[in-house]
C-alpha atoms as a PDB file:
ATOM      1  CA  MET A   1      -0.746 -10.102   0.995  1.00  0.00           C
ATOM      2  CA  THR A   2       2.393 -12.134   1.588  1.00  0.00           C
ATOM      3  CA  GLY A   3       2.268 -13.216  -2.069  1.00  0.00           C
ATOM      4  CA  LEU A   4       1.897  -9.584  -3.109  1.00  0.00           C
ATOM      5  CA  TYR A   5       5.104  -8.578  -1.355  1.00  0.00           C
ATOM      6  CA  MET A   6       6.940 -11.618  -2.702  1.00  0.00           C
ATOM      7  CA  GLY A   7       5.919 -10.557  -6.207  1.00  0.00           C
ATOM      8  CA  GLN A   8       7.196  -7.045  -5.570  1.00  0.00           C
ATOM      9  CA  ALA A   9      10.557  -8.410  -4.479  1.00  0.00           C
ATOM     10  CA  LEU A  10      10.879 -10.579  -7.591  1.00  0.00           C
ATOM     11  CA  GLY A  11       9.691  -7.692  -9.738  1.00  0.00           C
ATOM     12  CA  GLY A  12      12.854  -5.793  -8.859  1.00  0.00           C
ATOM     13  CA  PHE A  13      14.799  -8.191 -11.055  1.00  0.00           C
ATOM     14  CA  GLY A  14      12.877  -6.745 -13.987  1.00  0.00           C
ATOM     15  CA  ALA A  15      15.505  -3.995 -14.100  1.00  0.00           C
ATOM     16  CA  THR A  16      18.245  -6.645 -14.265  1.00  0.00           C
ATOM     17  CA  ILE A  17      16.456  -8.473 -17.086  1.00  0.00           C
ATOM     18  CA  ALA A  18      15.815  -5.203 -18.923  1.00  0.00           C
ATOM     19  CA  ALA A  19      19.503  -4.326 -18.714  1.00  0.00           C
ATOM     20  CA  ALA A  20      20.322  -7.608 -20.469  1.00  0.00           C
ATOM     21  CA  TYR A  21      17.530  -7.387 -23.070  1.00  0.00           C
ATOM     22  CA  SER A  22      15.161  -4.385 -23.260  1.00  0.00           C
ATOM     23  CA  TRP A  23      12.354  -2.766 -21.287  1.00  0.00           C
ATOM     24  CA  GLN A  24       9.918  -3.547 -24.102  1.00  0.00           C
ATOM     25  CA  SER A  25      10.542  -7.298 -24.070  1.00  0.00           C
ATOM     26  CA  THR A  26      10.607  -7.370 -20.245  1.00  0.00           C
ATOM     27  CA  PHE A  27       7.180  -5.718 -19.988  1.00  0.00           C
ATOM     28  CA  HIS A  28       5.914  -7.939 -22.806  1.00  0.00           C
ATOM     29  CA  TRP A  29       6.822 -11.222 -21.114  1.00  0.00           C
ATOM     30  CA  PHE A  30       5.872 -10.115 -17.607  1.00  0.00           C
ATOM     31  CA  GLY A  31       2.466  -9.192 -19.032  1.00  0.00           C
ATOM     32  CA  ILE A  32       2.064 -12.599 -20.672  1.00  0.00           C
ATOM     33  CA  ILE A  33       2.909 -14.320 -17.371  1.00  0.00           C
ATOM     34  CA  GLY A  34       0.297 -12.186 -15.602  1.00  0.00           C
ATOM     35  CA  VAL A  35      -2.418 -13.003 -18.121  1.00  0.00           C
ATOM     36  CA  ALA A  36      -1.628 -16.732 -17.905  1.00  0.00           C
ATOM     37  CA  TYR A  37      -1.769 -16.577 -14.104  1.00  0.00           C
ATOM     38  CA  ALA A  38      -5.137 -14.792 -14.252  1.00  0.00           C
ATOM     39  CA  ALA A  39      -6.477 -17.566 -16.505  1.00  0.00           C
ATOM     40  CA  LEU A  40      -5.353 -20.202 -13.984  1.00  0.00           C
ATOM     41  CA  LEU A  41      -7.136 -18.353 -11.179  1.00  0.00           C
ATOM     42  CA  MET A  42     -10.357 -18.172 -13.196  1.00  0.00           C
ATOM     43  CA  VAL A  43     -10.283 -21.937 -13.717  1.00  0.00           C
ATOM     44  CA  PHE A  44      -9.164 -23.197 -10.314  1.00  0.00           C
ATOM     45  CA  LEU A  45     -10.109 -20.508  -7.743  1.00  0.00           C
ATOM     46  CA  LYS A  46     -13.547 -21.314  -6.304  1.00  0.00           C
ATOM     47  CA  GLU A  47     -15.559 -19.199  -3.885  1.00  0.00           C
ATOM     48  CA  GLN A  48     -16.632 -20.691  -0.563  1.00  0.00           C
ATOM     49  CA  ARG A  49     -20.101 -19.251  -0.008  1.00  0.00           C
ATOM     50  CA  SER A  50     -21.333 -18.621   3.501  1.00  0.00           C
ATOM     51  CA  ALA A  51     -24.690 -19.839   4.760  1.00  0.00           C
ATOM     52  CA  SER A  52     -25.170 -16.620   6.742  1.00  0.00           C
ATOM     53  CA  PRO A  53     -28.424 -14.865   5.768  1.00  0.00           C
ATOM     54  CA  ALA A  54     -26.750 -11.490   6.291  1.00  0.00           C
ATOM     55  CA  LEU A  55     -24.370 -12.275   3.442  1.00  0.00           C
ATOM     56  CA  GLU A  56     -26.922 -13.818   1.091  1.00  0.00           C
ATOM     57  CA  ASP A  57     -29.688 -11.184   1.172  1.00  0.00           C
ATOM     58  CA  LYS A  58     -29.936  -9.762  -2.322  1.00  0.00           C
ATOM     59  CA  GLN A  59     -30.042  -6.001  -2.786  1.00  0.00           C
ATOM     60  CA  PRO A  60     -30.404  -3.640  -5.766  1.00  0.00           C
ATOM     61  CA  MET A  61     -27.083  -3.037  -7.504  1.00  0.00           C
ATOM     62  CA  PHE A  62     -26.581   0.557  -6.371  1.00  0.00           C
ATOM     63  CA  LYS A  63     -28.096   0.302  -2.890  1.00  0.00           C
ATOM     64  CA  GLY A  64     -24.763  -0.732  -1.384  1.00  0.00           C
ATOM     65  CA  PHE A  65     -23.021   2.120  -3.157  1.00  0.00           C
ATOM     66  CA  ARG A  66     -25.545   4.633  -1.782  1.00  0.00           C
ATOM     67  CA  ALA A  67     -25.123   3.199   1.702  1.00  0.00           C
ATOM     68  CA  LEU A  68     -21.354   3.706   1.484  1.00  0.00           C
ATOM     69  CA  VAL A  69     -21.327   7.266   0.126  1.00  0.00           C
ATOM     70  CA  THR A  70     -23.582   8.403   2.972  1.00  0.00           C
ATOM     71  CA  LEU A  71     -21.323   6.848   5.613  1.00  0.00           C
ATOM     72  CA  LEU A  72     -18.858   9.456   6.939  1.00  0.00           C
ATOM     73  CA  PRO A  73     -16.357   6.950   8.431  1.00  0.00           C
ATOM     74  CA  PHE A  74     -16.030   5.319   4.996  1.00  0.00           C
ATOM     75  CA  TRP A  75     -14.867   8.607   3.441  1.00  0.00           C
ATOM     76  CA  ILE A  76     -12.358   9.079   6.244  1.00  0.00           C
ATOM     77  CA  ILE A  77     -11.023   5.558   5.646  1.00  0.00           C
ATOM     78  CA  TRP A  78     -11.041   6.222   1.890  1.00  0.00           C
ATOM     79  CA  LEU A  79      -8.939   9.347   2.334  1.00  0.00           C
ATOM     80  CA  TYR A  80      -6.691   7.598   4.832  1.00  0.00           C
ATOM     81  CA  PHE A  81      -6.093   4.787   2.327  1.00  0.00           C
ATOM     82  CA  SER A  82      -5.654   7.099  -0.680  1.00  0.00           C
ATOM     83  CA  ILE A  83      -3.232   9.585   0.889  1.00  0.00           C
ATOM     84  CA  PRO A  84      -0.594   6.985   1.930  1.00  0.00           C
ATOM     85  CA  SER A  85      -0.873   5.532  -1.567  1.00  0.00           C
ATOM     86  CA  ILE A  86       0.932   8.664  -2.746  1.00  0.00           C
ATOM     87  CA  PRO A  87       4.290   7.697  -1.173  1.00  0.00           C
ATOM     88  CA  GLY A  88       3.424   4.000  -1.557  1.00  0.00           C
ATOM     89  CA  TRP A  89       3.305   4.251  -5.337  1.00  0.00           C
ATOM     90  CA  ALA A  90       6.168   6.744  -5.352  1.00  0.00           C
ATOM     91  CA  ILE A  91       8.328   4.161  -3.594  1.00  0.00           C
ATOM     92  CA  LYS A  92       7.293   1.386  -5.994  1.00  0.00           C
ATOM     93  CA  ASN A  93       7.880   3.444  -9.130  1.00  0.00           C
ATOM     94  CA  TRP A  94      10.742   5.798  -8.291  1.00  0.00           C
ATOM     95  CA  LEU A  95      12.818   4.295  -5.486  1.00  0.00           C
ATOM     96  CA  PRO A  96      15.115   2.417  -7.925  1.00  0.00           C
ATOM     97  CA  THR A  97      15.704   5.723  -9.724  1.00  0.00           C
ATOM     98  CA  LEU A  98      16.488   7.404  -6.413  1.00  0.00           C
ATOM     99  CA  PHE A  99      18.884   4.589  -5.522  1.00  0.00           C
ATOM    100  CA  SER A 100      20.643   4.729  -8.870  1.00  0.00           C
ATOM    101  CA  GLY A 101      20.930   8.510  -8.813  1.00  0.00           C
ATOM    102  CA  SER A 102      22.165   9.344  -5.321  1.00  0.00           C
ATOM    103  CA  PRO A 103      24.768   6.662  -4.590  1.00  0.00           C
ATOM    104  CA  ASP A 104      25.614   6.124  -8.272  1.00  0.00           C
ATOM    105  CA  VAL A 105      24.416   2.498  -8.267  1.00  0.00           C
ATOM    106  CA  PRO A 106      23.698   0.975 -11.716  1.00  0.00           C
ATOM    107  CA  MET A 107      19.981   0.592 -12.448  1.00  0.00           C
ATOM    108  CA  SER A 108      20.439  -3.149 -12.947  1.00  0.00           C
ATOM    109  CA  GLU A 109      21.450  -3.338  -9.260  1.00  0.00           C
ATOM    110  CA  ALA A 110      19.248  -0.501  -7.962  1.00  0.00           C
ATOM    111  CA  GLY A 111      16.028  -2.269  -8.995  1.00  0.00           C
ATOM    112  CA  PRO A 112      16.540  -5.464  -6.969  1.00  0.00           C
ATOM    113  CA  ILE A 113      18.073  -3.594  -4.001  1.00  0.00           C
ATOM    114  CA  ALA A 114      15.136  -1.170  -3.776  1.00  0.00           C
ATOM    115  CA  THR A 115      12.268  -3.591  -4.323  1.00  0.00           C
ATOM    116  CA  ILE A 116      13.670  -6.442  -2.227  1.00  0.00           C
ATOM    117  CA  THR A 117      14.347  -4.051   0.665  1.00  0.00           C
ATOM    118  CA  ILE A 118      10.789  -2.698   0.536  1.00  0.00           C
ATOM    119  CA  ALA A 119       9.179  -6.119   0.021  1.00  0.00           C
ATOM    120  CA  VAL A 120      11.110  -7.857   2.824  1.00  0.00           C
ATOM    121  CA  SER A 121      10.574  -5.044   5.308  1.00  0.00           C
ATOM    122  CA  SER A 122       6.886  -4.783   4.367  1.00  0.00           C
ATOM    123  CA  PHE A 123       6.486  -8.526   4.840  1.00  0.00           C
ATOM    124  CA  ILE A 124       7.938  -8.216   8.348  1.00  0.00           C
ATOM    125  CA  GLY A 125       5.708  -5.203   8.978  1.00  0.00           C
ATOM    126  CA  VAL A 126       2.602  -7.101   7.843  1.00  0.00           C
ATOM    127  CA  ILE A 127       3.312  -9.948  10.276  1.00  0.00           C
ATOM    128  CA  THR A 128       4.188  -7.575  13.128  1.00  0.00           C
ATOM    129  CA  GLY A 129       1.245  -5.264  12.497  1.00  0.00           C
ATOM    130  CA  GLY A 130      -1.190  -8.156  12.212  1.00  0.00           C
ATOM    131  CA  ILE A 131      -0.151  -9.785  15.479  1.00  0.00           C
ATOM    132  CA  MET A 132      -0.013  -6.458  17.334  1.00  0.00           C
ATOM    133  CA  SER A 133      -3.405  -5.380  16.016  1.00  0.00           C
ATOM    134  CA  ASP A 134      -5.130  -8.697  16.797  1.00  0.00           C
ATOM    135  CA  ARG A 135      -3.910  -8.581  20.388  1.00  0.00           C
ATOM    136  CA  TRP A 136      -4.509  -4.874  20.942  1.00  0.00           C
ATOM    137  CA  VAL A 137      -8.091  -4.903  19.628  1.00  0.00           C
ATOM    138  CA  GLN A 138      -9.019  -7.503  22.256  1.00  0.00           C
ATOM    139  CA  ARG A 139      -8.300  -4.896  24.934  1.00  0.00           C
ATOM    140  CA  ASN A 140      -9.216  -1.691  23.070  1.00  0.00           C
ATOM    141  CA  VAL A 141     -11.667  -1.351  20.174  1.00  0.00           C
ATOM    142  CA  LYS A 142      -9.331   1.248  18.592  1.00  0.00           C
ATOM    143  CA  GLY A 143      -6.367  -1.131  18.718  1.00  0.00           C
ATOM    144  CA  ARG A 144      -6.304  -1.608  14.939  1.00  0.00           C
ATOM    145  CA  VAL A 145      -6.505   2.140  14.378  1.00  0.00           C
ATOM    146  CA  TYR A 146      -3.610   2.755  16.758  1.00  0.00           C
ATOM    147  CA  THR A 147      -1.494   0.000  15.171  1.00  0.00           C
ATOM    148  CA  SER A 148      -2.079   1.428  11.714  1.00  0.00           C
ATOM    149  CA  ALA A 149      -1.206   4.923  12.940  1.00  0.00           C
ATOM    150  CA  ILE A 150       2.056   3.676  14.469  1.00  0.00           C
ATOM    151  CA  GLY A 151       3.016   1.971  11.221  1.00  0.00           C
ATOM    152  CA  LEU A 152       2.226   4.987   9.097  1.00  0.00           C
ATOM    153  CA  SER A 153       4.083   7.258  11.528  1.00  0.00           C
ATOM    154  CA  LEU A 154       7.256   5.241  10.852  1.00  0.00           C
ATOM    155  CA  THR A 155       7.058   6.191   7.188  1.00  0.00           C
ATOM    156  CA  VAL A 156       7.281   9.927   8.003  1.00  0.00           C
ATOM    157  CA  PRO A 157      10.959  10.026   9.072  1.00  0.00           C
ATOM    158  CA  ALA A 158      11.747   7.318   6.506  1.00  0.00           C
ATOM    159  CA  LEU A 159      10.497   9.490   3.621  1.00  0.00           C
ATOM    160  CA  PHE A 160      12.399  12.495   4.929  1.00  0.00           C
ATOM    161  CA  LEU A 161      15.623  10.520   5.268  1.00  0.00           C
ATOM    162  CA  LEU A 162      15.177   8.941   1.829  1.00  0.00           C
ATOM    163  CA  GLY A 163      14.980  12.412   0.361  1.00  0.00           C
ATOM    164  CA  ILE A 164      18.207  13.662   1.904  1.00  0.00           C
ATOM    165  CA  GLY A 165      20.274  10.435   1.899  1.00  0.00           C
ATOM    166  CA  HIS A 166      23.336   9.948  -0.303  1.00  0.00           C
ATOM    167  CA  SER A 167      24.866   6.559   0.542  1.00  0.00           C
ATOM    168  CA  THR A 168      23.526   3.107  -0.329  1.00  0.00           C
ATOM    169  CA  ALA A 169      23.476   1.911   3.300  1.00  0.00           C
ATOM    170  CA  TYR A 170      21.666   5.084   4.389  1.00  0.00           C
ATOM    171  CA  LEU A 171      18.989   4.686   1.708  1.00  0.00           C
ATOM    172  CA  VAL A 172      18.533   0.970   2.371  1.00  0.00           C
ATOM    173  CA  ALA A 173      18.004   1.632   6.098  1.00  0.00           C
ATOM    174  CA  SER A 174      15.478   4.371   5.350  1.00  0.00           C
ATOM    175  CA  ALA A 175      13.670   2.186   2.804  1.00  0.00           C
ATOM    176  CA  PHE A 176      13.521  -0.666   5.334  1.00  0.00           C
ATOM    177  CA  CYS A 177      11.924   1.665   7.898  1.00  0.00           C
ATOM    178  CA  PHE A 178       9.372   2.814   5.314  1.00  0.00           C
ATOM    179  CA  GLY A 179       8.522  -0.735   4.235  1.00  0.00           C
ATOM    180  CA  PHE A 180       8.130  -1.967   7.811  1.00  0.00           C
ATOM    181  CA  GLY A 181       5.788   0.881   8.711  1.00  0.00           C
ATOM    182  CA  PHE A 182       3.823   0.630   5.473  1.00  0.00           C
ATOM    183  CA  GLY A 183       3.378  -3.100   6.036  1.00  0.00           C
ATOM    184  CA  MET A 184       1.845  -2.426   9.466  1.00  0.00           C
ATOM    185  CA  PHE A 185      -0.499   0.089   7.841  1.00  0.00           C
ATOM    186  CA  ASP A 186      -1.369  -2.197   4.930  1.00  0.00           C
ATOM    187  CA  ALA A 187      -2.192  -5.183   7.140  1.00  0.00           C
ATOM    188  CA  ASN A 188      -4.862  -3.221   8.996  1.00  0.00           C
ATOM    189  CA  ASN A 189      -6.730  -1.469   6.178  1.00  0.00           C
ATOM    190  CA  MET A 190      -9.318  -4.184   5.617  1.00  0.00           C
ATOM    191  CA  PRO A 191      -9.752  -5.003   9.351  1.00  0.00           C
ATOM    192  CA  ILE A 192     -10.395  -1.302  10.063  1.00  0.00           C
ATOM    193  CA  LEU A 193     -12.869  -1.159   7.186  1.00  0.00           C
ATOM    194  CA  CYS A 194     -14.708  -4.141   8.700  1.00  0.00           C
ATOM    195  CA  GLN A 195     -15.232  -2.156  11.903  1.00  0.00           C
ATOM    196  CA  PHE A 196     -17.379   0.372  10.026  1.00  0.00           C
ATOM    197  CA  VAL A 197     -18.815  -1.386   6.948  1.00  0.00           C
ATOM    198  CA  ALA A 198     -21.210  -4.359   6.924  1.00  0.00           C
ATOM    199  CA  PRO A 199     -20.134  -7.580   5.121  1.00  0.00           C
ATOM    200  CA  ARG A 200     -22.513  -7.089   2.187  1.00  0.00           C
ATOM    201  CA  HIS A 201     -20.853  -3.752   1.309  1.00  0.00           C
ATOM    202  CA  ARG A 202     -17.190  -4.557   1.930  1.00  0.00           C
ATOM    203  CA  ALA A 203     -16.221  -5.598  -1.599  1.00  0.00           C
ATOM    204  CA  THR A 204     -17.619  -2.341  -2.997  1.00  0.00           C
ATOM    205  CA  ALA A 205     -15.912  -0.338  -0.257  1.00  0.00           C
ATOM    206  CA  TYR A 206     -12.533  -1.988  -0.763  1.00  0.00           C
ATOM    207  CA  GLY A 207     -12.845  -1.573  -4.524  1.00  0.00           C
ATOM    208  CA  LEU A 208     -13.431   2.169  -4.098  1.00  0.00           C
ATOM    209  CA  MET A 209     -10.498   2.362  -1.695  1.00  0.00           C
ATOM    210  CA  ASN A 210      -8.215   0.670  -4.223  1.00  0.00           C
ATOM    211  CA  MET A 211      -9.481   2.964  -6.975  1.00  0.00           C
ATOM    212  CA  GLY A 212      -8.614   6.004  -4.870  1.00  0.00           C
ATOM    213  CA  GLY A 213      -5.188   4.551  -4.134  1.00  0.00           C
ATOM    214  CA  VAL A 214      -4.430   3.871  -7.804  1.00  0.00           C
ATOM    215  CA  PHE A 215      -5.580   7.353  -8.846  1.00  0.00           C
ATOM    216  CA  SER A 216      -3.303   8.852  -6.181  1.00  0.00           C
ATOM    217  CA  GLY A 217      -0.472   6.692  -7.472  1.00  0.00           C
ATOM    218  CA  ALA A 218      -1.048   7.836 -11.050  1.00  0.00           C
ATOM    219  CA  ILE A 219      -0.894  11.488 -10.036  1.00  0.00           C
ATOM    220  CA  ILE A 220       2.259  11.189  -7.934  1.00  0.00           C
ATOM    221  CA  THR A 221       4.024   9.047 -10.547  1.00  0.00           C
ATOM    222  CA  ASP A 222       3.535  11.778 -13.131  1.00  0.00           C
ATOM    223  CA  LEU A 223       4.591  14.533 -10.729  1.00  0.00           C
ATOM    224  CA  LEU A 224       7.745  12.705  -9.650  1.00  0.00           C
ATOM    225  CA  GLY A 225       8.628  12.080 -13.281  1.00  0.00           C
ATOM    226  CA  LYS A 226       8.671  15.838 -13.809  1.00  0.00           C
ATOM    227  CA  SER A 227      10.535  16.212 -10.512  1.00  0.00           C
ATOM    228  CA  THR A 228      13.192  13.760 -11.725  1.00  0.00           C
ATOM    229  CA  ASP A 229      13.666  15.735 -14.941  1.00  0.00           C
ATOM    230  CA  ALA A 230      14.074  18.898 -12.876  1.00  0.00           C
ATOM    231  CA  GLY A 231      16.541  17.229 -10.497  1.00  0.00           C
ATOM    232  CA  HIS A 232      14.338  17.515  -7.397  1.00  0.00           C
ATOM    233  CA  LEU A 233      13.384  13.876  -6.782  1.00  0.00           C
ATOM    234  CA  GLY A 234      15.023  13.628  -3.352  1.00  0.00           C
ATOM    235  CA  ARG A 235      13.508  16.897  -2.144  1.00  0.00           C
ATOM    236  CA  ASP A 236       9.996  15.892  -3.196  1.00  0.00           C
ATOM    237  CA  PHE A 237      10.362  12.492  -1.508  1.00  0.00           C
ATOM    238  CA  ALA A 238      11.103  14.350   1.727  1.00  0.00           C
ATOM    239  CA  LEU A 239       8.093  16.668   1.268  1.00  0.00           C
ATOM    240  CA  MET A 240       5.718  13.710   1.075  1.00  0.00           C
ATOM    241  CA  SER A 241       6.349  13.063   4.771  1.00  0.00           C
ATOM    242  CA  VAL A 242       4.243  16.146   5.581  1.00  0.00           C
ATOM    243  CA  VAL A 243       1.251  14.675   3.738  1.00  0.00           C
ATOM    244  CA  ILE A 244       1.527  11.396   5.652  1.00  0.00           C
ATOM    245  CA  LEU A 245       1.722  13.202   8.983  1.00  0.00           C
ATOM    246  CA  ALA A 246      -1.585  14.915   8.148  1.00  0.00           C
ATOM    247  CA  ALA A 247      -3.159  11.524   7.333  1.00  0.00           C
ATOM    248  CA  VAL A 248      -2.076  10.077  10.689  1.00  0.00           C
ATOM    249  CA  CYS A 249      -3.602  13.027  12.543  1.00  0.00           C
ATOM    250  CA  MET A 250      -6.854  12.623  10.590  1.00  0.00           C
ATOM    251  CA  LEU A 251      -7.016   8.924  11.443  1.00  0.00           C
ATOM    252  CA  LEU A 252      -6.543   9.425  15.185  1.00  0.00           C
ATOM    253  CA  VAL A 253      -9.002  12.311  15.437  1.00  0.00           C
ATOM    254  CA  PHE A 254     -11.904  11.126  13.287  1.00  0.00           C
ATOM    255  CA  LEU A 255     -11.966   7.310  13.307  1.00  0.00           C
ATOM    256  CA  ARG A 256     -13.789   6.064  16.402  1.00  0.00           C
ATOM    257  CA  PRO A 257     -14.989   2.476  15.947  1.00  0.00           C
ATOM    258  CA  LYS A 258     -17.746   1.175  18.208  1.00  0.00           C
ATOM    259  CA  THR A 259     -17.214  -2.540  17.502  1.00  0.00           C
ATOM    260  CA  THR A 260     -14.512  -4.912  16.283  1.00  0.00           C
ATOM    261  CA  ASP A 261     -16.737  -6.203  13.447  1.00  0.00           C
ATOM    262  CA  CYS A 262     -19.681  -4.272  11.988  1.00  0.00           C
ATOM    263  CA  LEU A 263     -22.394  -6.751  10.929  1.00  0.00           C
ATOM    264  CA  THR A 264     -25.298  -4.428  10.052  1.00  0.00           C
END
């Protein structure tokens, strides 16, 4: 996860590179680097298999999927992961545009400012949320849920302030608050999942969660593109805070873990 946020920060310089060359060549070469990196992982990344019988029992391909879709807490977690992906992807895809539009910052500068702010604050949030969650769950089985809720709650005022802000300092402060809170939320998604889903089903569960998050991101990216054309990008950023508030309420009401690590 730390590498993910570092990549996001460096990705902001894509706007700077594109300003010097073109978006087409920037995407082209970033894609080539990604493919080469994937090839290196395939060659050198080896799996450390566990000797635990619970992890090695073979099951029919779709049995794990059926077990997940009949588990109510999984659908709550799935929704809780997918809904925050709406502002998460909105921030990734449209924050540089918001920065360049409101304070009249050139896009070549808006890209690095936006992505580095989010990546650095999210990195701090990941560390903070991880430590807080690990300590809290030792005293209260819902400690991870509460930590995630606190982090996501911080994104609510941040989104609202991003939507109405007009100065660079104001937007950077709001973006930092969003990134910090989102990092706390992001660090606890998989640990919360592990409180409800057995080890043999976790890869399938996390894959479905990511699919829901990407689909949410695709929808909001398209909607905010139309919003940008209509001149309502800031307003719609602020409106997303209402959606996140609903997700926090859903998390606190419906997720009630019984153990810190579900093994069966």
